[in-house]
């Protein structure tokens, strides 16, 4: 199982995935976030991530995805 911690940023979620040797870099931040969400779903379905950790990380990913979509729409994407 995963060490309890707070998940507030995309970096925190990346560190969670890294614990399971999951490294995501597609090249476009929006796609990275989407792939991280898929990988997180797979870890949860496999039973290696508990519900609380899954939900906290999923909230961060949704927030980051929404913000990145807004940045792209405004032309200020990273």
PDB file of N, CA and C in Angstrom:
ATOM      1  N   UNK A   1       0.825  -1.194   0.000  1.00  0.00           N
ATOM      2  CA  UNK A   1       0.000   0.000   0.000  1.00  0.00           C
ATOM      3  C   UNK A   1       0.868   1.255   0.000  1.00  0.00           C
ATOM      4  N   UNK A   2       0.215   2.375  -0.143  1.00  0.00           N
ATOM      5  CA  UNK A   2       0.886   3.656  -0.282  1.00  0.00           C
ATOM      6  C   UNK A   2       0.963   4.358   1.067  1.00  0.00           C
ATOM      7  N   UNK A   3       2.063   5.090   1.278  1.00  0.00           N
ATOM      8  CA  UNK A   3       2.197   5.888   2.489  1.00  0.00           C
ATOM      9  C   UNK A   3       1.155   6.997   2.466  1.00  0.00           C
ATOM     10  N   UNK A   4       0.479   7.243   3.600  1.00  0.00           N
ATOM     11  CA  UNK A   4      -0.506   8.329   3.634  1.00  0.00           C
ATOM     12  C   UNK A   4       0.181   9.688   3.463  1.00  0.00           C
ATOM     13  N   UNK A   5      -0.374  10.523   2.629  1.00  0.00           N
ATOM     14  CA  UNK A   5       0.156  11.866   2.419  1.00  0.00           C
ATOM     15  C   UNK A   5      -0.925  12.721   1.789  1.00  0.00           C
ATOM     16  N   UNK A   6      -0.641  13.981   1.663  1.00  0.00           N
ATOM     17  CA  UNK A   6      -1.606  14.872   1.028  1.00  0.00           C
ATOM     18  C   UNK A   6      -1.277  14.987  -0.457  1.00  0.00           C
ATOM     19  N   UNK A   7      -2.295  15.121  -1.242  1.00  0.00           N
ATOM     20  CA  UNK A   7      -2.149  15.272  -2.689  1.00  0.00           C
ATOM     21  C   UNK A   7      -2.775  16.600  -3.071  1.00  0.00           C
ATOM     22  N   UNK A   8      -1.914  17.571  -3.405  1.00  0.00           N
ATOM     23  CA  UNK A   8      -2.403  18.900  -3.743  1.00  0.00           C
ATOM     24  C   UNK A   8      -1.994  19.348  -5.136  1.00  0.00           C
ATOM     25  N   UNK A   9      -0.918  18.777  -5.629  1.00  0.00           N
ATOM     26  CA  UNK A   9      -0.393  19.236  -6.921  1.00  0.00           C
ATOM     27  C   UNK A   9      -0.180  18.051  -7.857  1.00  0.00           C
ATOM     28  N   UNK A  10       0.034  18.381  -9.110  1.00  0.00           N
ATOM     29  CA  UNK A  10       0.322  17.346 -10.098  1.00  0.00           C
ATOM     30  C   UNK A  10       1.611  16.622  -9.732  1.00  0.00           C
ATOM     31  N   UNK A  11       2.560  17.350  -9.181  1.00  0.00           N
ATOM     32  CA  UNK A  11       3.823  16.743  -8.750  1.00  0.00           C
ATOM     33  C   UNK A  11       3.574  15.660  -7.692  1.00  0.00           C
ATOM     34  N   UNK A  12       2.656  15.923  -6.762  1.00  0.00           N
ATOM     35  CA  UNK A  12       2.324  14.927  -5.732  1.00  0.00           C
ATOM     36  C   UNK A  12       1.794  13.644  -6.371  1.00  0.00           C
ATOM     37  N   UNK A  13       0.954  13.787  -7.373  1.00  0.00           N
ATOM     38  CA  UNK A  13       0.402  12.616  -8.064  1.00  0.00           C
ATOM     39  C   UNK A  13       1.508  11.903  -8.846  1.00  0.00           C
ATOM     40  N   UNK A  14       2.404  12.664  -9.447  1.00  0.00           N
ATOM     41  CA  UNK A  14       3.540  12.050 -10.149  1.00  0.00           C
ATOM     42  C   UNK A  14       4.381  11.217  -9.183  1.00  0.00           C
ATOM     43  N   UNK A  15       4.584  11.720  -7.971  1.00  0.00           N
ATOM     44  CA  UNK A  15       5.363  10.983  -6.977  1.00  0.00           C
ATOM     45  C   UNK A  15       4.647   9.705  -6.557  1.00  0.00           C
ATOM     46  N   UNK A  16       3.328   9.753  -6.463  1.00  0.00           N
ATOM     47  CA  UNK A  16       2.541   8.557  -6.162  1.00  0.00           C
ATOM     48  C   UNK A  16       2.742   7.512  -7.259  1.00  0.00           C
ATOM     49  N   UNK A  17       2.602   7.913  -8.499  1.00  0.00           N
ATOM     50  CA  UNK A  17       2.766   6.984  -9.615  1.00  0.00           C
ATOM     51  C   UNK A  17       4.192   6.443  -9.674  1.00  0.00           C
ATOM     52  N   UNK A  18       5.142   7.287  -9.342  1.00  0.00           N
ATOM     53  CA  UNK A  18       6.549   6.877  -9.361  1.00  0.00           C
ATOM     54  C   UNK A  18       6.810   5.730  -8.378  1.00  0.00           C
ATOM     55  N   UNK A  19       6.069   5.697  -7.264  1.00  0.00           N
ATOM     56  CA  UNK A  19       6.213   4.608  -6.297  1.00  0.00           C
ATOM     57  C   UNK A  19       5.915   3.248  -6.932  1.00  0.00           C
ATOM     58  N   UNK A  20       5.144   3.257  -8.002  1.00  0.00           N
ATOM     59  CA  UNK A  20       4.780   2.025  -8.708  1.00  0.00           C
ATOM     60  C   UNK A  20       5.511   1.924 -10.049  1.00  0.00           C
ATOM     61  N   UNK A  21       6.584   2.675 -10.173  1.00  0.00           N
ATOM     62  CA  UNK A  21       7.392   2.697 -11.398  1.00  0.00           C
ATOM     63  C   UNK A  21       6.588   3.090 -12.630  1.00  0.00           C
ATOM     64  N   UNK A  22       5.685   4.037 -12.446  1.00  0.00           N
ATOM     65  CA  UNK A  22       4.906   4.577 -13.558  1.00  0.00           C
ATOM     66  C   UNK A  22       5.418   5.989 -13.816  1.00  0.00           C
ATOM     67  N   UNK A  23       6.039   6.178 -14.963  1.00  0.00           N
ATOM     68  CA  UNK A  23       6.574   7.472 -15.356  1.00  0.00           C
ATOM     69  C   UNK A  23       5.852   7.903 -16.625  1.00  0.00           C
ATOM     70  N   UNK A  24       5.237   9.081 -16.569  1.00  0.00           N
ATOM     71  CA  UNK A  24       4.433   9.548 -17.696  1.00  0.00           C
ATOM     72  C   UNK A  24       5.050  10.811 -18.287  1.00  0.00           C
ATOM     73  N   UNK A  25       5.361  10.754 -19.564  1.00  0.00           N
ATOM     74  CA  UNK A  25       5.756  11.943 -20.315  1.00  0.00           C
ATOM     75  C   UNK A  25       5.405  11.708 -21.777  1.00  0.00           C
ATOM     76  N   UNK A  26       4.338  12.352 -22.197  1.00  0.00           N
ATOM     77  CA  UNK A  26       3.895  12.231 -23.579  1.00  0.00           C
ATOM     78  C   UNK A  26       4.428  13.412 -24.384  1.00  0.00           C
ATOM     79  N   UNK A  27       4.591  14.541 -23.723  1.00  0.00           N
ATOM     80  CA  UNK A  27       5.121  15.715 -24.398  1.00  0.00           C
ATOM     81  C   UNK A  27       4.179  16.896 -24.346  1.00  0.00           C
ATOM     82  N   UNK A  28       2.917  16.626 -24.159  1.00  0.00           N
ATOM     83  CA  UNK A  28       1.927  17.690 -24.022  1.00  0.00           C
ATOM     84  C   UNK A  28       1.288  17.527 -22.643  1.00  0.00           C
ATOM     85  N   UNK A  29       1.281  18.598 -21.865  1.00  0.00           N
ATOM     86  CA  UNK A  29       0.851  18.507 -20.469  1.00  0.00           C
ATOM     87  C   UNK A  29      -0.560  17.931 -20.333  1.00  0.00           C
ATOM     88  N   UNK A  30      -1.471  18.340 -21.175  1.00  0.00           N
ATOM     89  CA  UNK A  30      -2.840  17.848 -21.108  1.00  0.00           C
ATOM     90  C   UNK A  30      -2.884  16.337 -21.304  1.00  0.00           C
ATOM     91  N   UNK A  31      -2.128  15.836 -22.256  1.00  0.00           N
ATOM     92  CA  UNK A  31      -2.084  14.389 -22.500  1.00  0.00           C
ATOM     93  C   UNK A  31      -1.418  13.655 -21.342  1.00  0.00           C
ATOM     94  N   UNK A  32      -0.404  14.276 -20.752  1.00  0.00           N
ATOM     95  CA  UNK A  32       0.249  13.677 -19.580  1.00  0.00           C
ATOM     96  C   UNK A  32      -0.760  13.482 -18.451  1.00  0.00           C
ATOM     97  N   UNK A  33      -1.566  14.501 -18.206  1.00  0.00           N
ATOM     98  CA  UNK A  33      -2.567  14.438 -17.139  1.00  0.00           C
ATOM     99  C   UNK A  33      -3.582  13.338 -17.433  1.00  0.00           C
ATOM    100  N   UNK A  34      -4.031  13.246 -18.674  1.00  0.00           N
ATOM    101  CA  UNK A  34      -5.000  12.212 -19.045  1.00  0.00           C
ATOM    102  C   UNK A  34      -4.423  10.814 -18.864  1.00  0.00           C
ATOM    103  N   UNK A  35      -3.167  10.627 -19.260  1.00  0.00           N
ATOM    104  CA  UNK A  35      -2.536   9.320 -19.107  1.00  0.00           C
ATOM    105  C   UNK A  35      -2.307   8.986 -17.633  1.00  0.00           C
ATOM    106  N   UNK A  36      -1.967   9.992 -16.831  1.00  0.00           N
ATOM    107  CA  UNK A  36      -1.818   9.760 -15.389  1.00  0.00           C
ATOM    108  C   UNK A  36      -3.133   9.287 -14.782  1.00  0.00           C
ATOM    109  N   UNK A  37      -4.239   9.867 -15.224  1.00  0.00           N
ATOM    110  CA  UNK A  37      -5.553   9.463 -14.724  1.00  0.00           C
ATOM    111  C   UNK A  37      -5.842   8.010 -15.088  1.00  0.00           C
ATOM    112  N   UNK A  38      -5.501   7.615 -16.287  1.00  0.00           N
ATOM    113  CA  UNK A  38      -5.704   6.226 -16.718  1.00  0.00           C
ATOM    114  C   UNK A  38      -4.848   5.281 -15.885  1.00  0.00           C
ATOM    115  N   UNK A  39      -3.584   5.631 -15.687  1.00  0.00           N
ATOM    116  CA  UNK A  39      -2.686   4.792 -14.885  1.00  0.00           C
ATOM    117  C   UNK A  39      -3.174   4.690 -13.443  1.00  0.00           C
ATOM    118  N   UNK A  40      -3.656   5.804 -12.896  1.00  0.00           N
ATOM    119  CA  UNK A  40      -4.190   5.793 -11.535  1.00  0.00           C
ATOM    120  C   UNK A  40      -5.405   4.869 -11.449  1.00  0.00           C
ATOM    121  N   UNK A  41      -6.275   4.918 -12.448  1.00  0.00           N
ATOM    122  CA  UNK A  41      -7.436   4.017 -12.497  1.00  0.00           C
ATOM    123  C   UNK A  41      -6.989   2.558 -12.477  1.00  0.00           C
ATOM    124  N   UNK A  42      -5.971   2.241 -13.248  1.00  0.00           N
ATOM    125  CA  UNK A  42      -5.471   0.859 -13.304  1.00  0.00           C
ATOM    126  C   UNK A  42      -4.903   0.420 -11.959  1.00  0.00           C
ATOM    127  N   UNK A  43      -4.178   1.297 -11.290  1.00  0.00           N
ATOM    128  CA  UNK A  43      -3.622   0.959  -9.975  1.00  0.00           C
ATOM    129  C   UNK A  43      -4.735   0.728  -8.961  1.00  0.00           C
ATOM    130  N   UNK A  44      -5.772   1.550  -9.038  1.00  0.00           N
ATOM    131  CA  UNK A  44      -6.904   1.400  -8.117  1.00  0.00           C
ATOM    132  C   UNK A  44      -7.650   0.093  -8.392  1.00  0.00           C
ATOM    133  N   UNK A  45      -7.895  -0.193  -9.658  1.00  0.00           N
ATOM    134  CA  UNK A  45      -8.591  -1.430 -10.028  1.00  0.00           C
ATOM    135  C   UNK A  45      -7.792  -2.667  -9.637  1.00  0.00           C
ATOM    136  N   UNK A  46      -6.463  -2.550  -9.634  1.00  0.00           N
ATOM    137  CA  UNK A  46      -5.601  -3.668  -9.237  1.00  0.00           C
ATOM    138  C   UNK A  46      -5.545  -3.819  -7.719  1.00  0.00           C
ATOM    139  N   UNK A  47      -6.081  -2.836  -7.001  1.00  0.00           N
ATOM    140  CA  UNK A  47      -6.131  -2.926  -5.549  1.00  0.00           C
ATOM    141  C   UNK A  47      -4.861  -2.495  -4.836  1.00  0.00           C
ATOM    142  N   UNK A  48      -3.957  -1.831  -5.533  1.00  0.00           N
ATOM    143  CA  UNK A  48      -2.716  -1.401  -4.889  1.00  0.00           C
ATOM    144  C   UNK A  48      -2.790   0.029  -4.354  1.00  0.00           C
ATOM    145  N   UNK A  49      -3.838   0.757  -4.718  1.00  0.00           N
ATOM    146  CA  UNK A  49      -4.067   2.100  -4.193  1.00  0.00           C
ATOM    147  C   UNK A  49      -5.411   2.088  -3.479  1.00  0.00           C
ATOM    148  N   UNK A  50      -5.428   2.582  -2.238  1.00  0.00           N
ATOM    149  CA  UNK A  50      -6.683   2.582  -1.474  1.00  0.00           C
ATOM    150  C   UNK A  50      -7.627   3.676  -1.977  1.00  0.00           C
ATOM    151  N   UNK A  51      -8.874   3.586  -1.561  1.00  0.00           N
ATOM    152  CA  UNK A  51      -9.922   4.480  -2.044  1.00  0.00           C
ATOM    153  C   UNK A  51      -9.620   5.943  -1.725  1.00  0.00           C
ATOM    154  N   UNK A  52      -9.174   6.221  -0.507  1.00  0.00           N
ATOM    155  CA  UNK A  52      -8.911   7.605  -0.108  1.00  0.00           C
ATOM    156  C   UNK A  52      -7.797   8.228  -0.959  1.00  0.00           C
ATOM    157  N   UNK A  53      -6.729   7.500  -1.158  1.00  0.00           N
ATOM    158  CA  UNK A  53      -5.621   7.984  -1.985  1.00  0.00           C
ATOM    159  C   UNK A  53      -6.088   8.199  -3.419  1.00  0.00           C
ATOM    160  N   UNK A  54      -6.845   7.241  -3.934  1.00  0.00           N
ATOM    161  CA  UNK A  54      -7.361   7.322  -5.300  1.00  0.00           C
ATOM    162  C   UNK A  54      -8.212   8.576  -5.486  1.00  0.00           C
ATOM    163  N   UNK A  55      -9.121   8.806  -4.548  1.00  0.00           N
ATOM    164  CA  UNK A  55     -10.029   9.948  -4.677  1.00  0.00           C
ATOM    165  C   UNK A  55      -9.280  11.278  -4.600  1.00  0.00           C
ATOM    166  N   UNK A  56      -8.338  11.385  -3.671  1.00  0.00           N
ATOM    167  CA  UNK A  56      -7.574  12.631  -3.540  1.00  0.00           C
ATOM    168  C   UNK A  56      -6.762  12.905  -4.803  1.00  0.00           C
ATOM    169  N   UNK A  57      -6.093  11.884  -5.306  1.00  0.00           N
ATOM    170  CA  UNK A  57      -5.277  12.053  -6.508  1.00  0.00           C
ATOM    171  C   UNK A  57      -6.153  12.361  -7.721  1.00  0.00           C
ATOM    172  N   UNK A  58      -7.302  11.729  -7.796  1.00  0.00           N
ATOM    173  CA  UNK A  58      -8.215  11.945  -8.923  1.00  0.00           C
ATOM    174  C   UNK A  58      -8.724  13.393  -8.941  1.00  0.00           C
ATOM    175  N   UNK A  59      -8.998  13.940  -7.761  1.00  0.00           N
ATOM    176  CA  UNK A  59      -9.446  15.332  -7.667  1.00  0.00           C
ATOM    177  C   UNK A  59      -8.365  16.275  -8.189  1.00  0.00           C
ATOM    178  N   UNK A  60      -7.123  16.021  -7.809  1.00  0.00           N
ATOM    179  CA  UNK A  60      -6.006  16.844  -8.282  1.00  0.00           C
ATOM    180  C   UNK A  60      -5.913  16.772  -9.804  1.00  0.00           C
ATOM    181  N   UNK A  61      -6.017  15.569 -10.349  1.00  0.00           N
ATOM    182  CA  UNK A  61      -5.912  15.409 -11.802  1.00  0.00           C
ATOM    183  C   UNK A  61      -7.049  16.114 -12.530  1.00  0.00           C
ATOM    184  N   UNK A  62      -8.257  16.040 -11.995  1.00  0.00           N
ATOM    185  CA  UNK A  62      -9.389  16.740 -12.626  1.00  0.00           C
ATOM    186  C   UNK A  62      -9.169  18.249 -12.620  1.00  0.00           C
ATOM    187  N   UNK A  63      -8.701  18.768 -11.480  1.00  0.00           N
ATOM    188  CA  UNK A  63      -8.434  20.201 -11.355  1.00  0.00           C
ATOM    189  C   UNK A  63      -7.356  20.632 -12.346  1.00  0.00           C
ATOM    190  N   UNK A  64      -6.269  19.896 -12.392  1.00  0.00           N
ATOM    191  CA  UNK A  64      -5.171  20.228 -13.302  1.00  0.00           C
ATOM    192  C   UNK A  64      -5.617  20.135 -14.765  1.00  0.00           C
ATOM    193  N   UNK A  65      -6.432  19.138 -15.077  1.00  0.00           N
ATOM    194  CA  UNK A  65      -6.933  18.967 -16.447  1.00  0.00           C
ATOM    195  C   UNK A  65      -7.803  20.157 -16.842  1.00  0.00           C
ATOM    196  N   UNK A  66      -8.693  20.540 -15.944  1.00  0.00           N
ATOM    197  CA  UNK A  66      -9.579  21.678 -16.205  1.00  0.00           C
ATOM    198  C   UNK A  66      -8.756  22.960 -16.412  1.00  0.00           C
ATOM    199  N   UNK A  67      -7.760  23.174 -15.545  1.00  0.00           N
ATOM    200  CA  UNK A  67      -6.924  24.369 -15.666  1.00  0.00           C
ATOM    201  C   UNK A  67      -6.113  24.363 -16.963  1.00  0.00           C
ATOM    202  N   UNK A  68      -5.604  23.208 -17.337  1.00  0.00           N
ATOM    203  CA  UNK A  68      -4.808  23.118 -18.566  1.00  0.00           C
ATOM    204  C   UNK A  68      -5.678  23.348 -19.800  1.00  0.00           C
ATOM    205  N   UNK A  69      -6.906  22.833 -19.786  1.00  0.00           N
ATOM    206  CA  UNK A  69      -7.827  23.095 -20.899  1.00  0.00           C
ATOM    207  C   UNK A  69      -8.097  24.588 -21.021  1.00  0.00           C
ATOM    208  N   UNK A  70      -8.261  25.248 -19.874  1.00  0.00           N
ATOM    209  CA  UNK A  70      -8.508  26.688 -19.876  1.00  0.00           C
ATOM    210  C   UNK A  70      -7.292  27.442 -20.420  1.00  0.00           C
ATOM    211  N   UNK A  71      -6.097  27.010 -20.028  1.00  0.00           N
ATOM    212  CA  UNK A  71      -4.869  27.642 -20.536  1.00  0.00           C
ATOM    213  C   UNK A  71      -4.776  27.504 -22.055  1.00  0.00           C
ATOM    214  N   UNK A  72      -5.099  26.319 -22.559  1.00  0.00           N
ATOM    215  CA  UNK A  72      -5.049  26.105 -24.013  1.00  0.00           C
ATOM    216  C   UNK A  72      -6.073  26.978 -24.728  1.00  0.00           C
ATOM    217  N   UNK A  73      -7.246  27.086 -24.124  1.00  0.00           N
ATOM    218  CA  UNK A  73      -8.307  27.899 -24.714  1.00  0.00           C
ATOM    219  C   UNK A  73      -7.885  29.370 -24.775  1.00  0.00           C
ATOM    220  N   UNK A  74      -7.181  29.822 -23.726  1.00  0.00           N
ATOM    221  CA  UNK A  74      -6.735  31.216 -23.664  1.00  0.00           C
ATOM    222  C   UNK A  74      -5.424  31.449 -24.401  1.00  0.00           C
ATOM    223  N   UNK A  75      -4.799  30.372 -24.854  1.00  0.00           N
ATOM    224  CA  UNK A  75      -3.530  30.500 -25.556  1.00  0.00           C
ATOM    225  C   UNK A  75      -2.342  30.702 -24.640  1.00  0.00           C
ATOM    226  N   UNK A  76      -2.487  30.307 -23.367  1.00  0.00           N
ATOM    227  CA  UNK A  76      -1.390  30.476 -22.406  1.00  0.00           C
ATOM    228  C   UNK A  76      -0.885  29.136 -21.893  1.00  0.00           C
ATOM    229  N   UNK A  77      -1.039  28.084 -22.679  1.00  0.00           N
ATOM    230  CA  UNK A  77      -0.627  26.740 -22.248  1.00  0.00           C
ATOM    231  C   UNK A  77       0.870  26.679 -22.029  1.00  0.00           C
ATOM    232  N   UNK A  78       1.250  25.840 -21.083  1.00  0.00           N
ATOM    233  CA  UNK A  78       2.669  25.665 -20.728  1.00  0.00           C
ATOM    234  C   UNK A  78       3.367  24.852 -21.798  1.00  0.00           C
TER     235      UNK A  78
END
